[in-house]
Amino acid sequence: MDIRQIDDEYSVSGQITLEELDEIKALGFKSIVCHRPDHESPDQTSFSVIEARAKELGLNIAHVPVGPMGVTEEAVQGMVDALDEFPRPMLGYCRSGARSTAIYQKTHHIRN
């Protein structure tokens, strides 16, 4: 798992696995936002599986998919809602971390 810190509140990574959730919790993250649509690739762990384990660990989690159309207004609003409602630090993930970075940058302008 390659976690890249964007600022004190937000970091990004590529696809996470079920097994990595314990490490994510141990690193101090309080919430997770998945920006990857389900079924994007055949080896991808579905959001519902990640969500169930995250909740068992006491992590807040949301699914705000960013697909081939890019960062939509709906996705930006979903991310704003997650940032407003969830405790931080927060981890955003997608396939590579690029979409999680892009959507955070767009929401950062709205929230500040």
PDB file of N, CA and C in Angstrom:
ATOM      1  N   MET A   1       0.855  -1.174   0.000  1.00  0.00           N
ATOM      2  CA  MET A   1       0.000   0.000   0.000  1.00  0.00           C
ATOM      3  C   MET A   1       0.901   1.238   0.000  1.00  0.00           C
ATOM      4  N   ASP A   2       0.645   2.106  -0.929  1.00  0.00           N
ATOM      5  CA  ASP A   2       1.438   3.326  -1.086  1.00  0.00           C
ATOM      6  C   ASP A   2       0.558   4.524  -0.748  1.00  0.00           C
ATOM      7  N   ILE A   3       0.662   5.017   0.483  1.00  0.00           N
ATOM      8  CA  ILE A   3      -0.149   6.151   0.933  1.00  0.00           C
ATOM      9  C   ILE A   3       0.652   7.430   0.744  1.00  0.00           C
ATOM     10  N   ARG A   4       0.015   8.402   0.078  1.00  0.00           N
ATOM     11  CA  ARG A   4       0.642   9.702  -0.154  1.00  0.00           C
ATOM     12  C   ARG A   4      -0.169  10.782   0.569  1.00  0.00           C
ATOM     13  N   GLN A   5       0.474  11.493   1.470  1.00  0.00           N
ATOM     14  CA  GLN A   5      -0.198  12.535   2.231  1.00  0.00           C
ATOM     15  C   GLN A   5      -0.330  13.792   1.388  1.00  0.00           C
ATOM     16  N   ILE A   6      -1.571  14.304   1.284  1.00  0.00           N
ATOM     17  CA  ILE A   6      -1.839  15.548   0.561  1.00  0.00           C
ATOM     18  C   ILE A   6      -1.715  16.736   1.515  1.00  0.00           C
ATOM     19  N   ASP A   7      -2.314  16.609   2.689  1.00  0.00           N
ATOM     20  CA  ASP A   7      -2.181  17.609   3.750  1.00  0.00           C
ATOM     21  C   ASP A   7      -2.439  16.912   5.082  1.00  0.00           C
ATOM     22  N   ASP A   8      -2.575  17.677   6.162  1.00  0.00           N
ATOM     23  CA  ASP A   8      -2.749  17.069   7.485  1.00  0.00           C
ATOM     24  C   ASP A   8      -4.044  16.276   7.614  1.00  0.00           C
ATOM     25  N   GLU A   9      -5.035  16.584   6.787  1.00  0.00           N
ATOM     26  CA  GLU A   9      -6.344  15.950   6.900  1.00  0.00           C
ATOM     27  C   GLU A   9      -6.582  14.828   5.905  1.00  0.00           C
ATOM     28  N   TYR A  10      -5.831  14.771   4.809  1.00  0.00           N
ATOM     29  CA  TYR A  10      -6.198  13.900   3.698  1.00  0.00           C
ATOM     30  C   TYR A  10      -4.977  13.270   3.050  1.00  0.00           C
ATOM     31  N   SER A  11      -5.090  11.966   2.809  1.00  0.00           N
ATOM     32  CA  SER A  11      -4.068  11.203   2.091  1.00  0.00           C
ATOM     33  C   SER A  11      -4.759  10.357   1.038  1.00  0.00           C
ATOM     34  N   VAL A  12      -3.987   9.875   0.074  1.00  0.00           N
ATOM     35  CA  VAL A  12      -4.549   9.049  -1.005  1.00  0.00           C
ATOM     36  C   VAL A  12      -3.711   7.794  -1.199  1.00  0.00           C
ATOM     37  N   SER A  13      -4.359   6.790  -1.801  1.00  0.00           N
ATOM     38  CA  SER A  13      -3.648   5.568  -2.171  1.00  0.00           C
ATOM     39  C   SER A  13      -4.361   4.929  -3.348  1.00  0.00           C
ATOM     40  N   GLY A  14      -3.696   3.927  -3.904  1.00  0.00           N
ATOM     41  CA  GLY A  14      -4.337   3.090  -4.900  1.00  0.00           C
ATOM     42  C   GLY A  14      -5.301   2.142  -4.204  1.00  0.00           C
ATOM     43  N   GLN A  15      -5.852   1.206  -4.958  1.00  0.00           N
ATOM     44  CA  GLN A  15      -6.813   0.238  -4.423  1.00  0.00           C
ATOM     45  C   GLN A  15      -6.303  -0.384  -3.126  1.00  0.00           C
ATOM     46  N   ILE A  16      -7.156  -0.391  -2.120  1.00  0.00           N
ATOM     47  CA  ILE A  16      -6.811  -1.050  -0.864  1.00  0.00           C
ATOM     48  C   ILE A  16      -7.432  -2.439  -0.837  1.00  0.00           C
ATOM     49  N   THR A  17      -6.868  -3.287   0.004  1.00  0.00           N
ATOM     50  CA  THR A  17      -7.398  -4.637   0.168  1.00  0.00           C
ATOM     51  C   THR A  17      -8.030  -4.758   1.543  1.00  0.00           C
ATOM     52  N   LEU A  18      -8.785  -5.807   1.702  1.00  0.00           N
ATOM     53  CA  LEU A  18      -9.424  -6.086   2.978  1.00  0.00           C
ATOM     54  C   LEU A  18      -8.375  -6.192   4.090  1.00  0.00           C
ATOM     55  N   GLU A  19      -7.279  -6.852   3.787  1.00  0.00           N
ATOM     56  CA  GLU A  19      -6.227  -7.064   4.771  1.00  0.00           C
ATOM     57  C   GLU A  19      -5.551  -5.757   5.191  1.00  0.00           C
ATOM     58  N   GLU A  20      -5.540  -4.769   4.334  1.00  0.00           N
ATOM     59  CA  GLU A  20      -4.869  -3.499   4.645  1.00  0.00           C
ATOM     60  C   GLU A  20      -5.690  -2.587   5.551  1.00  0.00           C
ATOM     61  N   LEU A  21      -6.963  -2.902   5.745  1.00  0.00           N
ATOM     62  CA  LEU A  21      -7.807  -2.041   6.576  1.00  0.00           C
ATOM     63  C   LEU A  21      -7.315  -1.969   8.021  1.00  0.00           C
ATOM     64  N   ASP A  22      -6.803  -3.073   8.548  1.00  0.00           N
ATOM     65  CA  ASP A  22      -6.266  -3.038   9.914  1.00  0.00           C
ATOM     66  C   ASP A  22      -5.079  -2.078  10.006  1.00  0.00           C
ATOM     67  N   GLU A  23      -4.226  -2.094   8.998  1.00  0.00           N
ATOM     68  CA  GLU A  23      -3.075  -1.188   8.964  1.00  0.00           C
ATOM     69  C   GLU A  23      -3.533   0.264   8.826  1.00  0.00           C
ATOM     70  N   ILE A  24      -4.543   0.495   7.990  1.00  0.00           N
ATOM     71  CA  ILE A  24      -5.090   1.845   7.809  1.00  0.00           C
ATOM     72  C   ILE A  24      -5.593   2.386   9.144  1.00  0.00           C
ATOM     73  N   LYS A  25      -6.306   1.559   9.878  1.00  0.00           N
ATOM     74  CA  LYS A  25      -6.799   1.946  11.205  1.00  0.00           C
ATOM     75  C   LYS A  25      -5.622   2.224  12.144  1.00  0.00           C
ATOM     76  N   ALA A  26      -4.624   1.334  12.136  1.00  0.00           N
ATOM     77  CA  ALA A  26      -3.460   1.487  13.018  1.00  0.00           C
ATOM     78  C   ALA A  26      -2.660   2.752  12.702  1.00  0.00           C
ATOM     79  N   LEU A  27      -2.686   3.183  11.446  1.00  0.00           N
ATOM     80  CA  LEU A  27      -1.990   4.409  11.055  1.00  0.00           C
ATOM     81  C   LEU A  27      -2.712   5.672  11.525  1.00  0.00           C
ATOM     82  N   GLY A  28      -3.922   5.504  12.075  1.00  0.00           N
ATOM     83  CA  GLY A  28      -4.644   6.638  12.639  1.00  0.00           C
ATOM     84  C   GLY A  28      -5.737   7.223  11.775  1.00  0.00           C
ATOM     85  N   PHE A  29      -5.997   6.623  10.616  1.00  0.00           N
ATOM     86  CA  PHE A  29      -7.082   7.138   9.777  1.00  0.00           C
ATOM     87  C   PHE A  29      -8.416   6.888  10.466  1.00  0.00           C
ATOM     88  N   LYS A  30      -9.315   7.858  10.347  1.00  0.00           N
ATOM     89  CA  LYS A  30     -10.629   7.760  10.962  1.00  0.00           C
ATOM     90  C   LYS A  30     -11.740   7.545   9.939  1.00  0.00           C
ATOM     91  N   SER A  31     -11.448   7.839   8.682  1.00  0.00           N
ATOM     92  CA  SER A  31     -12.458   7.660   7.640  1.00  0.00           C
ATOM     93  C   SER A  31     -11.792   7.377   6.300  1.00  0.00           C
ATOM     94  N   ILE A  32     -12.596   6.768   5.418  1.00  0.00           N
ATOM     95  CA  ILE A  32     -12.137   6.357   4.091  1.00  0.00           C
ATOM     96  C   ILE A  32     -13.192   6.757   3.074  1.00  0.00           C
ATOM     97  N   VAL A  33     -12.746   7.226   1.911  1.00  0.00           N
ATOM     98  CA  VAL A  33     -13.654   7.474   0.791  1.00  0.00           C
ATOM     99  C   VAL A  33     -13.112   6.731  -0.424  1.00  0.00           C
ATOM    100  N   CYS A  34     -13.960   5.881  -0.996  1.00  0.00           N
ATOM    101  CA  CYS A  34     -13.607   5.134  -2.202  1.00  0.00           C
ATOM    102  C   CYS A  34     -14.074   5.915  -3.423  1.00  0.00           C
ATOM    103  N   HIS A  35     -13.154   6.203  -4.331  1.00  0.00           N
ATOM    104  CA  HIS A  35     -13.494   6.932  -5.555  1.00  0.00           C
ATOM    105  C   HIS A  35     -13.498   6.022  -6.771  1.00  0.00           C
ATOM    106  N   ARG A  36     -13.471   4.739  -6.550  1.00  0.00           N
ATOM    107  CA  ARG A  36     -13.388   3.780  -7.652  1.00  0.00           C
ATOM    108  C   ARG A  36     -14.743   3.109  -7.860  1.00  0.00           C
ATOM    109  N   PRO A  37     -15.291   3.161  -9.070  1.00  0.00           N
ATOM    110  CA  PRO A  37     -16.544   2.442  -9.327  1.00  0.00           C
ATOM    111  C   PRO A  37     -16.328   0.936  -9.173  1.00  0.00           C
ATOM    112  N   ASP A  38     -17.324   0.236  -8.648  1.00  0.00           N
ATOM    113  CA  ASP A  38     -17.251  -1.222  -8.590  1.00  0.00           C
ATOM    114  C   ASP A  38     -17.112  -1.785  -9.996  1.00  0.00           C
ATOM    115  N   HIS A  39     -16.461  -2.923 -10.101  1.00  0.00           N
ATOM    116  CA  HIS A  39     -16.294  -3.675 -11.360  1.00  0.00           C
ATOM    117  C   HIS A  39     -15.432  -2.950 -12.391  1.00  0.00           C
ATOM    118  N   GLU A  40     -14.611  -2.034 -11.952  1.00  0.00           N
ATOM    119  CA  GLU A  40     -13.715  -1.345 -12.875  1.00  0.00           C
ATOM    120  C   GLU A  40     -12.653  -2.307 -13.418  1.00  0.00           C
ATOM    121  N   SER A  41     -12.228  -3.241 -12.584  1.00  0.00           N
ATOM    122  CA  SER A  41     -11.313  -4.291 -13.039  1.00  0.00           C
ATOM    123  C   SER A  41     -11.697  -5.603 -12.350  1.00  0.00           C
ATOM    124  N   PRO A  42     -11.404  -6.734 -12.990  1.00  0.00           N
ATOM    125  CA  PRO A  42     -11.869  -8.016 -12.462  1.00  0.00           C
ATOM    126  C   PRO A  42     -11.260  -8.408 -11.110  1.00  0.00           C
ATOM    127  N   ASP A  43     -10.080  -7.923 -10.784  1.00  0.00           N
ATOM    128  CA  ASP A  43      -9.435  -8.304  -9.526  1.00  0.00           C
ATOM    129  C   ASP A  43      -9.712  -7.339  -8.375  1.00  0.00           C
ATOM    130  N   GLN A  44     -10.581  -6.393  -8.595  1.00  0.00           N
ATOM    131  CA  GLN A  44     -10.871  -5.341  -7.620  1.00  0.00           C
ATOM    132  C   GLN A  44     -11.802  -5.853  -6.520  1.00  0.00           C
ATOM    133  N   THR A  45     -11.467  -5.572  -5.271  1.00  0.00           N
ATOM    134  CA  THR A  45     -12.353  -5.887  -4.155  1.00  0.00           C
ATOM    135  C   THR A  45     -13.526  -4.917  -4.184  1.00  0.00           C
ATOM    136  N   SER A  46     -14.750  -5.438  -4.104  1.00  0.00           N
ATOM    137  CA  SER A  46     -15.928  -4.572  -4.202  1.00  0.00           C
ATOM    138  C   SER A  46     -16.023  -3.652  -2.985  1.00  0.00           C
ATOM    139  N   PHE A  47     -16.668  -2.515  -3.200  1.00  0.00           N
ATOM    140  CA  PHE A  47     -16.813  -1.541  -2.126  1.00  0.00           C
ATOM    141  C   PHE A  47     -17.554  -2.140  -0.943  1.00  0.00           C
ATOM    142  N   SER A  48     -18.600  -2.932  -1.180  1.00  0.00           N
ATOM    143  CA  SER A  48     -19.399  -3.472  -0.075  1.00  0.00           C
ATOM    144  C   SER A  48     -18.566  -4.347   0.860  1.00  0.00           C
ATOM    145  N   VAL A  49     -17.603  -5.078   0.317  1.00  0.00           N
ATOM    146  CA  VAL A  49     -16.722  -5.919   1.139  1.00  0.00           C
ATOM    147  C   VAL A  49     -15.796  -5.037   1.981  1.00  0.00           C
ATOM    148  N   ILE A  50     -15.199  -4.034   1.353  1.00  0.00           N
ATOM    149  CA  ILE A  50     -14.336  -3.082   2.071  1.00  0.00           C
ATOM    150  C   ILE A  50     -15.153  -2.343   3.133  1.00  0.00           C
ATOM    151  N   GLU A  51     -16.349  -1.911   2.757  1.00  0.00           N
ATOM    152  CA  GLU A  51     -17.212  -1.153   3.668  1.00  0.00           C
ATOM    153  C   GLU A  51     -17.544  -1.952   4.926  1.00  0.00           C
ATOM    154  N   ALA A  52     -17.915  -3.219   4.757  1.00  0.00           N
ATOM    155  CA  ALA A  52     -18.297  -4.041   5.906  1.00  0.00           C
ATOM    156  C   ALA A  52     -17.151  -4.160   6.909  1.00  0.00           C
ATOM    157  N   ARG A  53     -15.959  -4.428   6.424  1.00  0.00           N
ATOM    158  CA  ARG A  53     -14.805  -4.571   7.330  1.00  0.00           C
ATOM    159  C   ARG A  53     -14.425  -3.225   7.949  1.00  0.00           C
ATOM    160  N   ALA A  54     -14.476  -2.158   7.174  1.00  0.00           N
ATOM    161  CA  ALA A  54     -14.162  -0.831   7.713  1.00  0.00           C
ATOM    162  C   ALA A  54     -15.102  -0.486   8.865  1.00  0.00           C
ATOM    163  N   LYS A  55     -16.373  -0.770   8.686  1.00  0.00           N
ATOM    164  CA  LYS A  55     -17.346  -0.478   9.747  1.00  0.00           C
ATOM    165  C   LYS A  55     -17.082  -1.327  10.983  1.00  0.00           C
ATOM    166  N   GLU A  56     -16.683  -2.595  10.786  1.00  0.00           N
ATOM    167  CA  GLU A  56     -16.318  -3.452  11.923  1.00  0.00           C
ATOM    168  C   GLU A  56     -15.179  -2.830  12.728  1.00  0.00           C
ATOM    169  N   LEU A  57     -14.280  -2.165  12.037  1.00  0.00           N
ATOM    170  CA  LEU A  57     -13.127  -1.528  12.682  1.00  0.00           C
ATOM    171  C   LEU A  57     -13.445  -0.142  13.244  1.00  0.00           C
ATOM    172  N   GLY A  58     -14.679   0.328  13.041  1.00  0.00           N
ATOM    173  CA  GLY A  58     -15.072   1.635  13.545  1.00  0.00           C
ATOM    174  C   GLY A  58     -14.675   2.796  12.660  1.00  0.00           C
ATOM    175  N   LEU A  59     -14.344   2.499  11.406  1.00  0.00           N
ATOM    176  CA  LEU A  59     -13.990   3.552  10.450  1.00  0.00           C
ATOM    177  C   LEU A  59     -15.233   4.047   9.728  1.00  0.00           C
ATOM    178  N   ASN A  60     -15.324   5.347   9.511  1.00  0.00           N
ATOM    179  CA  ASN A  60     -16.368   5.909   8.653  1.00  0.00           C
ATOM    180  C   ASN A  60     -15.952   5.656   7.214  1.00  0.00           C
ATOM    181  N   ILE A  61     -16.919   5.357   6.351  1.00  0.00           N
ATOM    182  CA  ILE A  61     -16.572   5.066   4.960  1.00  0.00           C
ATOM    183  C   ILE A  61     -17.698   5.494   4.034  1.00  0.00           C
ATOM    184  N   ALA A  62     -17.319   6.002   2.861  1.00  0.00           N
ATOM    185  CA  ALA A  62     -18.294   6.433   1.849  1.00  0.00           C
ATOM    186  C   ALA A  62     -17.807   6.013   0.475  1.00  0.00           C
ATOM    187  N   HIS A  63     -18.756   5.825  -0.430  1.00  0.00           N
ATOM    188  CA  HIS A  63     -18.458   5.483  -1.826  1.00  0.00           C
ATOM    189  C   HIS A  63     -18.859   6.676  -2.685  1.00  0.00           C
ATOM    190  N   VAL A  64     -17.881   7.348  -3.242  1.00  0.00           N
ATOM    191  CA  VAL A  64     -18.092   8.497  -4.120  1.00  0.00           C
ATOM    192  C   VAL A  64     -17.338   8.199  -5.414  1.00  0.00           C
ATOM    193  N   PRO A  65     -17.918   7.326  -6.264  1.00  0.00           N
ATOM    194  CA  PRO A  65     -17.185   6.885  -7.456  1.00  0.00           C
ATOM    195  C   PRO A  65     -16.941   7.992  -8.474  1.00  0.00           C
ATOM    196  N   VAL A  66     -15.742   7.950  -9.041  1.00  0.00           N
ATOM    197  CA  VAL A  66     -15.361   8.845 -10.131  1.00  0.00           C
ATOM    198  C   VAL A  66     -15.003   7.938 -11.302  1.00  0.00           C
ATOM    199  N   GLY A  67     -15.879   7.915 -12.307  1.00  0.00           N
ATOM    200  CA  GLY A  67     -15.705   7.009 -13.433  1.00  0.00           C
ATOM    201  C   GLY A  67     -15.089   7.666 -14.646  1.00  0.00           C
ATOM    202  N   PRO A  68     -15.348   7.078 -15.813  1.00  0.00           N
ATOM    203  CA  PRO A  68     -14.739   7.561 -17.052  1.00  0.00           C
ATOM    204  C   PRO A  68     -15.132   8.992 -17.432  1.00  0.00           C
ATOM    205  N   MET A  69     -16.226   9.486 -16.899  1.00  0.00           N
ATOM    206  CA  MET A  69     -16.655  10.856 -17.199  1.00  0.00           C
ATOM    207  C   MET A  69     -15.851  11.883 -16.403  1.00  0.00           C
ATOM    208  N   GLY A  70     -15.007  11.409 -15.508  1.00  0.00           N
ATOM    209  CA  GLY A  70     -14.201  12.320 -14.706  1.00  0.00           C
ATOM    210  C   GLY A  70     -14.937  12.765 -13.454  1.00  0.00           C
ATOM    211  N   VAL A  71     -14.450  13.809 -12.845  1.00  0.00           N
ATOM    212  CA  VAL A  71     -15.020  14.319 -11.605  1.00  0.00           C
ATOM    213  C   VAL A  71     -16.265  15.134 -11.936  1.00  0.00           C
ATOM    214  N   THR A  72     -17.432  14.574 -11.617  1.00  0.00           N
ATOM    215  CA  THR A  72     -18.711  15.233 -11.893  1.00  0.00           C
ATOM    216  C   THR A  72     -19.114  16.117 -10.714  1.00  0.00           C
ATOM    217  N   GLU A  73     -20.099  16.979 -10.947  1.00  0.00           N
ATOM    218  CA  GLU A  73     -20.622  17.823  -9.866  1.00  0.00           C
ATOM    219  C   GLU A  73     -21.185  16.967  -8.743  1.00  0.00           C
ATOM    220  N   GLU A  74     -21.853  15.866  -9.111  1.00  0.00           N
ATOM    221  CA  GLU A  74     -22.423  14.959  -8.112  1.00  0.00           C
ATOM    222  C   GLU A  74     -21.320  14.351  -7.237  1.00  0.00           C
ATOM    223  N   ALA A  75     -20.223  13.947  -7.864  1.00  0.00           N
ATOM    224  CA  ALA A  75     -19.103  13.385  -7.109  1.00  0.00           C
ATOM    225  C   ALA A  75     -18.474  14.434  -6.197  1.00  0.00           C
ATOM    226  N   VAL A  76     -18.317  15.639  -6.700  1.00  0.00           N
ATOM    227  CA  VAL A  76     -17.756  16.716  -5.877  1.00  0.00           C
ATOM    228  C   VAL A  76     -18.637  16.947  -4.655  1.00  0.00           C
ATOM    229  N   GLN A  77     -19.954  16.985  -4.851  1.00  0.00           N
ATOM    230  CA  GLN A  77     -20.862  17.190  -3.718  1.00  0.00           C
ATOM    231  C   GLN A  77     -20.775  16.035  -2.727  1.00  0.00           C
ATOM    232  N   GLY A  78     -20.667  14.806  -3.232  1.00  0.00           N
ATOM    233  CA  GLY A  78     -20.509  13.654  -2.347  1.00  0.00           C
ATOM    234  C   GLY A  78     -19.240  13.746  -1.515  1.00  0.00           C
ATOM    235  N   MET A  79     -18.184  14.233  -2.123  1.00  0.00           N
ATOM    236  CA  MET A  79     -16.921  14.385  -1.400  1.00  0.00           C
ATOM    237  C   MET A  79     -17.004  15.521  -0.386  1.00  0.00           C
ATOM    238  N   VAL A  80     -17.640  16.619  -0.758  1.00  0.00           N
ATOM    239  CA  VAL A  80     -17.847  17.726   0.187  1.00  0.00           C
ATOM    240  C   VAL A  80     -18.623  17.219   1.400  1.00  0.00           C
ATOM    241  N   ASP A  81     -19.679  16.437   1.150  1.00  0.00           N
ATOM    242  CA  ASP A  81     -20.478  15.882   2.249  1.00  0.00           C
ATOM    243  C   ASP A  81     -19.618  15.005   3.161  1.00  0.00           C
ATOM    244  N   ALA A  82     -18.795  14.140   2.564  1.00  0.00           N
ATOM    245  CA  ALA A  82     -17.925  13.271   3.365  1.00  0.00           C
ATOM    246  C   ALA A  82     -16.952  14.101   4.197  1.00  0.00           C
ATOM    247  N   LEU A  83     -16.373  15.117   3.599  1.00  0.00           N
ATOM    248  CA  LEU A  83     -15.434  15.974   4.327  1.00  0.00           C
ATOM    249  C   LEU A  83     -16.123  16.740   5.452  1.00  0.00           C
ATOM    250  N   ASP A  84     -17.370  17.139   5.229  1.00  0.00           N
ATOM    251  CA  ASP A  84     -18.116  17.864   6.253  1.00  0.00           C
ATOM    252  C   ASP A  84     -18.560  16.952   7.395  1.00  0.00           C
ATOM    253  N   GLU A  85     -18.852  15.680   7.078  1.00  0.00           N
ATOM    254  CA  GLU A  85     -19.457  14.778   8.056  1.00  0.00           C
ATOM    255  C   GLU A  85     -18.470  13.856   8.763  1.00  0.00           C
ATOM    256  N   PHE A  86     -17.392  13.469   8.106  1.00  0.00           N
ATOM    257  CA  PHE A  86     -16.498  12.445   8.644  1.00  0.00           C
ATOM    258  C   PHE A  86     -15.311  13.056   9.385  1.00  0.00           C
ATOM    259  N   PRO A  87     -14.859  12.357  10.426  1.00  0.00           N
ATOM    260  CA  PRO A  87     -13.648  12.808  11.112  1.00  0.00           C
ATOM    261  C   PRO A  87     -12.415  12.562  10.253  1.00  0.00           C
ATOM    262  N   ARG A  88     -11.376  13.277  10.546  1.00  0.00           N
ATOM    263  CA  ARG A  88     -10.124  13.123   9.837  1.00  0.00           C
ATOM    264  C   ARG A  88      -9.022  12.772  10.824  1.00  0.00           C
ATOM    265  N   PRO A  89      -7.940  12.197  10.333  1.00  0.00           N
ATOM    266  CA  PRO A  89      -7.513  12.127   8.936  1.00  0.00           C
ATOM    267  C   PRO A  89      -8.327  11.130   8.118  1.00  0.00           C
ATOM    268  N   MET A  90      -8.422  11.434   6.829  1.00  0.00           N
ATOM    269  CA  MET A  90      -9.209  10.669   5.868  1.00  0.00           C
ATOM    270  C   MET A  90      -8.285  10.114   4.791  1.00  0.00           C
ATOM    271  N   LEU A  91      -8.601   8.891   4.349  1.00  0.00           N
ATOM    272  CA  LEU A  91      -7.885   8.271   3.239  1.00  0.00           C
ATOM    273  C   LEU A  91      -8.832   8.143   2.059  1.00  0.00           C
ATOM    274  N   GLY A  92      -8.446   8.697   0.923  1.00  0.00           N
ATOM    275  CA  GLY A  92      -9.187   8.507  -0.320  1.00  0.00           C
ATOM    276  C   GLY A  92      -8.448   7.507  -1.181  1.00  0.00           C
ATOM    277  N   TYR A  93      -9.191   6.597  -1.823  1.00  0.00           N
ATOM    278  CA  TYR A  93      -8.508   5.647  -2.701  1.00  0.00           C
ATOM    279  C   TYR A  93      -9.266   5.432  -3.999  1.00  0.00           C
ATOM    280  N   CYS A  94      -8.512   5.070  -5.028  1.00  0.00           N
ATOM    281  CA  CYS A  94      -9.039   4.676  -6.336  1.00  0.00           C
ATOM    282  C   CYS A  94      -8.027   3.679  -6.914  1.00  0.00           C
ATOM    283  N   ARG A  95      -7.892   3.566  -8.206  1.00  0.00           N
ATOM    284  CA  ARG A  95      -6.930   2.609  -8.757  1.00  0.00           C
ATOM    285  C   ARG A  95      -5.489   3.033  -8.482  1.00  0.00           C
ATOM    286  N   SER A  96      -5.201   4.318  -8.706  1.00  0.00           N
ATOM    287  CA  SER A  96      -3.822   4.796  -8.539  1.00  0.00           C
ATOM    288  C   SER A  96      -3.676   5.915  -7.510  1.00  0.00           C
ATOM    289  N   GLY A  97      -4.774   6.522  -7.104  1.00  0.00           N
ATOM    290  CA  GLY A  97      -4.748   7.687  -6.224  1.00  0.00           C
ATOM    291  C   GLY A  97      -4.967   8.997  -6.958  1.00  0.00           C
ATOM    292  N   ALA A  98      -4.915   8.968  -8.297  1.00  0.00           N
ATOM    293  CA  ALA A  98      -5.050  10.203  -9.086  1.00  0.00           C
ATOM    294  C   ALA A  98      -6.446  10.809  -8.972  1.00  0.00           C
ATOM    295  N   ARG A  99      -7.483   9.993  -9.086  1.00  0.00           N
ATOM    296  CA  ARG A  99      -8.852  10.527  -8.979  1.00  0.00           C
ATOM    297  C   ARG A  99      -9.131  11.024  -7.570  1.00  0.00           C
ATOM    298  N   SER A 100      -8.600  10.319  -6.576  1.00  0.00           N
ATOM    299  CA  SER A 100      -8.788  10.747  -5.188  1.00  0.00           C
ATOM    300  C   SER A 100      -8.107  12.086  -4.929  1.00  0.00           C
ATOM    301  N   THR A 101      -6.996  12.311  -5.581  1.00  0.00           N
ATOM    302  CA  THR A 101      -6.309  13.601  -5.474  1.00  0.00           C
ATOM    303  C   THR A 101      -7.093  14.685  -6.200  1.00  0.00           C
ATOM    304  N   ALA A 102      -7.539  14.396  -7.419  1.00  0.00           N
ATOM    305  CA  ALA A 102      -8.257  15.389  -8.236  1.00  0.00           C
ATOM    306  C   ALA A 102      -9.546  15.848  -7.569  1.00  0.00           C
ATOM    307  N   ILE A 103     -10.320  14.908  -7.026  1.00  0.00           N
ATOM    308  CA  ILE A 103     -11.597  15.301  -6.423  1.00  0.00           C
ATOM    309  C   ILE A 103     -11.353  16.105  -5.147  1.00  0.00           C
ATOM    310  N   TYR A 104     -10.328  15.774  -4.402  1.00  0.00           N
ATOM    311  CA  TYR A 104     -10.020  16.543  -3.200  1.00  0.00           C
ATOM    312  C   TYR A 104      -9.630  17.968  -3.565  1.00  0.00           C
ATOM    313  N   GLN A 105      -8.849  18.127  -4.601  1.00  0.00           N
ATOM    314  CA  GLN A 105      -8.461  19.470  -5.034  1.00  0.00           C
ATOM    315  C   GLN A 105      -9.686  20.283  -5.431  1.00  0.00           C
ATOM    316  N   LYS A 106     -10.640  19.661  -6.112  1.00  0.00           N
ATOM    317  CA  LYS A 106     -11.858  20.385  -6.509  1.00  0.00           C
ATOM    318  C   LYS A 106     -12.698  20.756  -5.293  1.00  0.00           C
ATOM    319  N   THR A 107     -12.813  19.862  -4.324  1.00  0.00           N
ATOM    320  CA  THR A 107     -13.621  20.162  -3.146  1.00  0.00           C
ATOM    321  C   THR A 107     -12.919  21.164  -2.239  1.00  0.00           C
ATOM    322  N   HIS A 108     -11.617  21.147  -2.240  1.00  0.00           N
ATOM    323  CA  HIS A 108     -10.849  22.067  -1.400  1.00  0.00           C
ATOM    324  C   HIS A 108     -11.171  23.519  -1.768  1.00  0.00           C
ATOM    325  N   HIS A 109     -11.323  23.796  -3.047  1.00  0.00           N
ATOM    326  CA  HIS A 109     -11.662  25.154  -3.495  1.00  0.00           C
ATOM    327  C   HIS A 109     -13.065  25.554  -3.036  1.00  0.00           C
ATOM    328  N   ILE A 110     -13.984  24.594  -2.996  1.00  0.00           N
ATOM    329  CA  ILE A 110     -15.366  24.876  -2.589  1.00  0.00           C
ATOM    330  C   ILE A 110     -15.443  25.131  -1.087  1.00  0.00           C
ATOM    331  N   ARG A 111     -14.719  24.336  -0.317  1.00  0.00           N
ATOM    332  CA  ARG A 111     -14.818  24.390   1.139  1.00  0.00           C
ATOM    333  C   ARG A 111     -14.038  25.544   1.748  1.00  0.00           C
ATOM    334  N   ASN A 112     -13.102  26.130   1.026  1.00  0.00           N
ATOM    335  CA  ASN A 112     -12.284  27.213   1.601  1.00  0.00           C
ATOM    336  C   ASN A 112     -12.627  28.561   1.033  1.00  0.00           C
TER     337      ASN A 112
END
